[in-house]
């Protein structure tokens, strides 16, 4: 199971007005146990693209990246980890609204 240690939220601009709703980029620094397949010496973070529209919100996409190099990791989060990330984003997003 991943543990979120730090985060940042940035509202994305849509200069052309093509997209509906609001889009956010949320960066989540995480720690994972050494015996987890996600573990790297440099550490990893999750980049989440998040959408809010009509009082509903959802993860559009997420990427696992190696801290320092920003190299994408070829892993998927498990369903309960995705749900934990979604819940974290939903809980912390009102801070920027």
N, C-alpha and C. Protein backbone atom coordinates (compact mmCIF):
# COMPACT_ATOMS: atom_id res chain seq x y z
N UNK A 1 0.84 -1.19 0.00
CA UNK A 1 0.00 0.00 0.00
C UNK A 1 0.88 1.24 0.00
N UNK A 2 0.52 2.24 -0.78
CA UNK A 2 1.28 3.47 -0.87
C UNK A 2 0.84 4.44 0.22
N UNK A 3 1.79 5.29 0.63
CA UNK A 3 1.48 6.32 1.62
C UNK A 3 1.84 7.68 1.02
N UNK A 4 0.87 8.58 0.98
CA UNK A 4 1.08 9.92 0.43
C UNK A 4 1.73 10.78 1.50
N UNK A 5 2.90 11.36 1.16
CA UNK A 5 3.64 12.16 2.13
C UNK A 5 3.54 13.66 1.86
N UNK A 6 3.45 14.05 0.60
CA UNK A 6 3.32 15.46 0.22
C UNK A 6 2.50 15.52 -1.06
N UNK A 7 1.95 16.71 -1.33
CA UNK A 7 1.19 16.87 -2.55
C UNK A 7 1.18 18.33 -3.00
N UNK A 8 0.88 18.52 -4.27
CA UNK A 8 0.65 19.87 -4.80
C UNK A 8 -0.48 19.77 -5.82
N UNK A 9 -1.24 20.85 -5.92
CA UNK A 9 -2.38 20.90 -6.85
C UNK A 9 -2.25 22.17 -7.69
N UNK A 10 -2.40 21.99 -8.99
CA UNK A 10 -2.36 23.14 -9.90
C UNK A 10 -3.53 23.05 -10.87
N UNK A 11 -4.28 24.15 -10.97
CA UNK A 11 -5.37 24.20 -11.94
C UNK A 11 -4.78 24.38 -13.33
N UNK A 12 -5.23 23.57 -14.28
CA UNK A 12 -4.73 23.66 -15.65
C UNK A 12 -5.59 24.63 -16.44
N UNK A 13 -4.94 25.40 -17.27
CA UNK A 13 -5.64 26.37 -18.10
C UNK A 13 -5.99 25.73 -19.45
N UNK A 14 -7.15 26.07 -19.96
CA UNK A 14 -7.60 25.62 -21.27
C UNK A 14 -7.68 26.86 -22.16
N UNK A 15 -6.56 27.23 -22.79
CA UNK A 15 -6.53 28.48 -23.55
C UNK A 15 -7.50 28.53 -24.72
N UNK A 16 -7.92 27.38 -25.22
CA UNK A 16 -8.81 27.36 -26.37
C UNK A 16 -10.28 27.16 -25.99
N UNK A 17 -10.56 26.89 -24.72
CA UNK A 17 -11.93 26.70 -24.27
C UNK A 17 -12.59 25.46 -24.83
N UNK A 18 -11.80 24.45 -25.13
CA UNK A 18 -12.32 23.22 -25.73
C UNK A 18 -12.89 22.27 -24.68
N UNK A 19 -12.23 22.19 -23.54
CA UNK A 19 -12.60 21.22 -22.51
C UNK A 19 -13.73 21.75 -21.64
N UNK A 20 -14.60 20.84 -21.21
CA UNK A 20 -15.65 21.22 -20.27
C UNK A 20 -15.16 20.96 -18.86
N UNK A 21 -15.69 21.66 -17.90
CA UNK A 21 -15.30 21.47 -16.51
C UNK A 21 -13.93 22.04 -16.21
N UNK A 22 -13.44 21.72 -15.03
CA UNK A 22 -12.13 22.18 -14.57
C UNK A 22 -11.17 21.00 -14.56
N UNK A 23 -9.92 21.25 -14.91
CA UNK A 23 -8.89 20.22 -14.90
C UNK A 23 -7.78 20.62 -13.93
N UNK A 24 -7.26 19.63 -13.22
CA UNK A 24 -6.19 19.87 -12.25
C UNK A 24 -5.09 18.84 -12.43
N UNK A 25 -3.86 19.28 -12.20
CA UNK A 25 -2.73 18.36 -12.12
C UNK A 25 -2.37 18.25 -10.65
N UNK A 26 -2.39 17.04 -10.14
CA UNK A 26 -2.10 16.80 -8.73
C UNK A 26 -0.88 15.89 -8.66
N UNK A 27 0.16 16.36 -7.98
CA UNK A 27 1.37 15.58 -7.80
C UNK A 27 1.39 15.03 -6.38
N UNK A 28 1.53 13.73 -6.27
CA UNK A 28 1.51 13.07 -4.97
C UNK A 28 2.85 12.37 -4.74
N UNK A 29 3.61 12.85 -3.77
CA UNK A 29 4.83 12.15 -3.36
C UNK A 29 4.39 10.99 -2.49
N UNK A 30 4.92 9.81 -2.78
CA UNK A 30 4.51 8.64 -2.02
C UNK A 30 5.73 7.86 -1.53
N UNK A 31 5.50 7.10 -0.49
CA UNK A 31 6.51 6.14 -0.04
C UNK A 31 5.90 4.75 -0.15
N UNK A 32 6.75 3.82 -0.50
CA UNK A 32 6.32 2.43 -0.59
C UNK A 32 7.34 1.57 0.15
N UNK A 33 6.91 0.47 0.70
CA UNK A 33 7.84 -0.42 1.40
C UNK A 33 8.91 -0.97 0.44
N UNK A 34 10.08 -1.26 0.97
CA UNK A 34 11.18 -1.77 0.14
C UNK A 34 10.84 -3.08 -0.56
N UNK A 35 9.95 -3.87 0.00
CA UNK A 35 9.62 -5.15 -0.62
C UNK A 35 8.50 -5.03 -1.66
N UNK A 36 8.01 -3.82 -1.90
CA UNK A 36 6.96 -3.58 -2.90
C UNK A 36 7.61 -3.47 -4.28
N UNK A 37 6.92 -3.99 -5.32
CA UNK A 37 7.47 -3.91 -6.68
C UNK A 37 7.60 -2.47 -7.18
N UNK A 38 6.89 -1.53 -6.58
CA UNK A 38 6.98 -0.12 -6.97
C UNK A 38 8.23 0.57 -6.41
N UNK A 39 8.89 -0.04 -5.45
CA UNK A 39 10.00 0.60 -4.75
C UNK A 39 11.16 0.89 -5.70
N UNK A 40 11.69 2.13 -5.61
CA UNK A 40 12.94 2.50 -6.26
C UNK A 40 13.75 3.30 -5.25
N UNK A 41 15.06 3.27 -5.39
CA UNK A 41 15.94 4.01 -4.47
C UNK A 41 15.66 5.51 -4.51
N UNK A 42 15.38 6.03 -5.71
CA UNK A 42 15.16 7.47 -5.88
C UNK A 42 13.80 7.90 -5.34
N UNK A 43 12.87 6.96 -5.24
CA UNK A 43 11.52 7.29 -4.82
C UNK A 43 10.63 7.52 -6.03
N UNK A 44 9.32 7.55 -5.78
CA UNK A 44 8.39 7.76 -6.89
C UNK A 44 7.30 8.75 -6.48
N UNK A 45 6.65 9.27 -7.49
CA UNK A 45 5.48 10.12 -7.26
C UNK A 45 4.43 9.80 -8.31
N UNK A 46 3.21 10.22 -8.02
CA UNK A 46 2.09 9.98 -8.93
C UNK A 46 1.65 11.33 -9.49
N UNK A 47 1.52 11.40 -10.80
CA UNK A 47 0.97 12.59 -11.46
C UNK A 47 -0.45 12.23 -11.87
N UNK A 48 -1.42 12.98 -11.31
CA UNK A 48 -2.83 12.70 -11.54
C UNK A 48 -3.44 13.86 -12.33
N UNK A 49 -4.14 13.54 -13.40
CA UNK A 49 -4.97 14.52 -14.08
C UNK A 49 -6.39 14.28 -13.59
N UNK A 50 -7.00 15.33 -13.06
CA UNK A 50 -8.27 15.21 -12.34
C UNK A 50 -9.27 16.19 -12.93
N UNK A 51 -10.50 15.75 -13.08
CA UNK A 51 -11.56 16.57 -13.69
C UNK A 51 -12.67 16.82 -12.69
N UNK A 52 -13.16 18.06 -12.66
CA UNK A 52 -14.34 18.42 -11.86
C UNK A 52 -15.33 19.07 -12.82
N UNK A 53 -16.54 18.49 -12.85
CA UNK A 53 -17.59 19.02 -13.73
C UNK A 53 -18.95 18.67 -13.16
N UNK A 54 -19.82 19.67 -13.08
CA UNK A 54 -21.18 19.46 -12.60
C UNK A 54 -21.22 18.73 -11.25
N UNK A 55 -20.44 19.20 -10.30
CA UNK A 55 -20.37 18.64 -8.95
C UNK A 55 -19.94 17.17 -8.92
N UNK A 56 -19.31 16.71 -9.98
CA UNK A 56 -18.75 15.36 -10.02
C UNK A 56 -17.27 15.46 -10.35
N UNK A 57 -16.50 14.54 -9.81
CA UNK A 57 -15.07 14.57 -10.06
C UNK A 57 -14.56 13.15 -10.33
N UNK A 58 -13.45 13.09 -11.07
CA UNK A 58 -12.90 11.78 -11.43
C UNK A 58 -11.45 11.92 -11.86
N UNK A 59 -10.72 10.82 -11.71
CA UNK A 59 -9.36 10.75 -12.25
C UNK A 59 -9.48 10.51 -13.75
N UNK A 60 -8.85 11.36 -14.52
CA UNK A 60 -8.81 11.17 -15.97
C UNK A 60 -7.68 10.20 -16.32
N UNK A 61 -6.52 10.44 -15.67
CA UNK A 61 -5.33 9.65 -15.97
C UNK A 61 -4.35 9.81 -14.82
N UNK A 62 -3.53 8.80 -14.61
CA UNK A 62 -2.44 8.93 -13.65
C UNK A 62 -1.20 8.26 -14.21
N UNK A 63 -0.04 8.75 -13.78
CA UNK A 63 1.24 8.17 -14.17
C UNK A 63 2.09 8.01 -12.92
N UNK A 64 2.83 6.92 -12.87
CA UNK A 64 3.82 6.71 -11.82
C UNK A 64 5.17 7.12 -12.40
N UNK A 65 5.86 8.01 -11.70
CA UNK A 65 7.12 8.55 -12.20
C UNK A 65 8.21 8.43 -11.14
N UNK A 66 9.44 8.21 -11.60
CA UNK A 66 10.57 8.14 -10.69
C UNK A 66 10.99 9.56 -10.32
N UNK A 67 11.12 9.79 -9.02
CA UNK A 67 11.51 11.11 -8.52
C UNK A 67 12.93 11.42 -8.99
N UNK A 68 13.15 12.64 -9.40
CA UNK A 68 14.48 13.07 -9.84
C UNK A 68 14.67 12.97 -11.34
N UNK A 69 14.26 11.85 -11.94
CA UNK A 69 14.44 11.68 -13.39
C UNK A 69 13.14 11.89 -14.15
N UNK A 70 12.01 11.83 -13.47
CA UNK A 70 10.67 11.91 -14.08
C UNK A 70 10.43 10.79 -15.09
N UNK A 71 11.19 9.71 -14.95
CA UNK A 71 11.05 8.56 -15.84
C UNK A 71 9.75 7.82 -15.52
N UNK A 72 8.92 7.57 -16.54
CA UNK A 72 7.67 6.83 -16.29
C UNK A 72 7.98 5.39 -15.89
N UNK A 73 7.23 4.88 -14.94
CA UNK A 73 7.37 3.50 -14.50
C UNK A 73 6.23 2.68 -15.10
N UNK A 74 6.54 1.50 -15.54
CA UNK A 74 5.57 0.65 -16.23
C UNK A 74 4.83 -0.22 -15.22
N UNK A 75 4.08 0.42 -14.32
CA UNK A 75 3.30 -0.27 -13.31
C UNK A 75 1.91 0.36 -13.25
N UNK A 76 0.97 -0.41 -12.78
CA UNK A 76 -0.38 0.08 -12.54
C UNK A 76 -0.66 0.00 -11.04
N UNK A 77 -1.44 0.94 -10.54
CA UNK A 77 -1.89 0.85 -9.16
C UNK A 77 -3.00 -0.20 -9.05
N UNK A 78 -3.12 -0.80 -7.90
CA UNK A 78 -4.21 -1.74 -7.67
C UNK A 78 -5.49 -0.94 -7.44
N UNK A 79 -6.63 -1.59 -7.59
CA UNK A 79 -7.93 -0.91 -7.50
C UNK A 79 -8.09 -0.15 -6.18
N UNK A 80 -7.70 -0.75 -5.07
CA UNK A 80 -7.85 -0.06 -3.78
C UNK A 80 -6.88 1.13 -3.67
N UNK A 81 -5.73 1.06 -4.34
CA UNK A 81 -4.80 2.19 -4.34
C UNK A 81 -5.35 3.33 -5.19
N UNK A 82 -5.96 3.00 -6.32
CA UNK A 82 -6.58 4.03 -7.16
C UNK A 82 -7.71 4.70 -6.39
N UNK A 83 -8.49 3.93 -5.69
CA UNK A 83 -9.58 4.51 -4.88
C UNK A 83 -9.03 5.40 -3.78
N UNK A 84 -7.92 5.02 -3.17
CA UNK A 84 -7.31 5.85 -2.13
C UNK A 84 -6.80 7.17 -2.73
N UNK A 85 -6.22 7.11 -3.91
CA UNK A 85 -5.75 8.33 -4.60
C UNK A 85 -6.94 9.22 -4.94
N UNK A 86 -8.01 8.63 -5.48
CA UNK A 86 -9.21 9.40 -5.83
C UNK A 86 -9.79 10.08 -4.59
N UNK A 87 -9.89 9.34 -3.50
CA UNK A 87 -10.43 9.90 -2.26
C UNK A 87 -9.55 11.04 -1.75
N UNK A 88 -8.23 10.87 -1.82
CA UNK A 88 -7.31 11.91 -1.38
C UNK A 88 -7.49 13.18 -2.22
N UNK A 89 -7.57 13.01 -3.54
CA UNK A 89 -7.74 14.16 -4.44
C UNK A 89 -9.06 14.87 -4.16
N UNK A 90 -10.14 14.11 -4.00
CA UNK A 90 -11.45 14.69 -3.73
C UNK A 90 -11.43 15.47 -2.42
N UNK A 91 -10.78 14.91 -1.42
CA UNK A 91 -10.73 15.56 -0.10
C UNK A 91 -9.90 16.84 -0.11
N UNK A 92 -8.82 16.86 -0.87
CA UNK A 92 -7.91 18.01 -0.84
C UNK A 92 -8.18 19.05 -1.93
N UNK A 93 -8.98 18.72 -2.91
CA UNK A 93 -9.25 19.66 -3.98
C UNK A 93 -9.99 20.91 -3.52
N UNK A 94 -10.94 20.84 -2.58
CA UNK A 94 -11.62 22.08 -2.16
C UNK A 94 -10.67 23.17 -1.67
N UNK A 95 -9.45 22.81 -1.30
CA UNK A 95 -8.48 23.80 -0.84
C UNK A 95 -8.13 24.80 -1.94
N UNK A 96 -8.25 24.40 -3.22
CA UNK A 96 -7.89 25.29 -4.30
C UNK A 96 -9.10 25.91 -4.99
N UNK A 97 -10.29 25.44 -4.67
CA UNK A 97 -11.50 25.98 -5.31
C UNK A 97 -11.88 27.33 -4.75
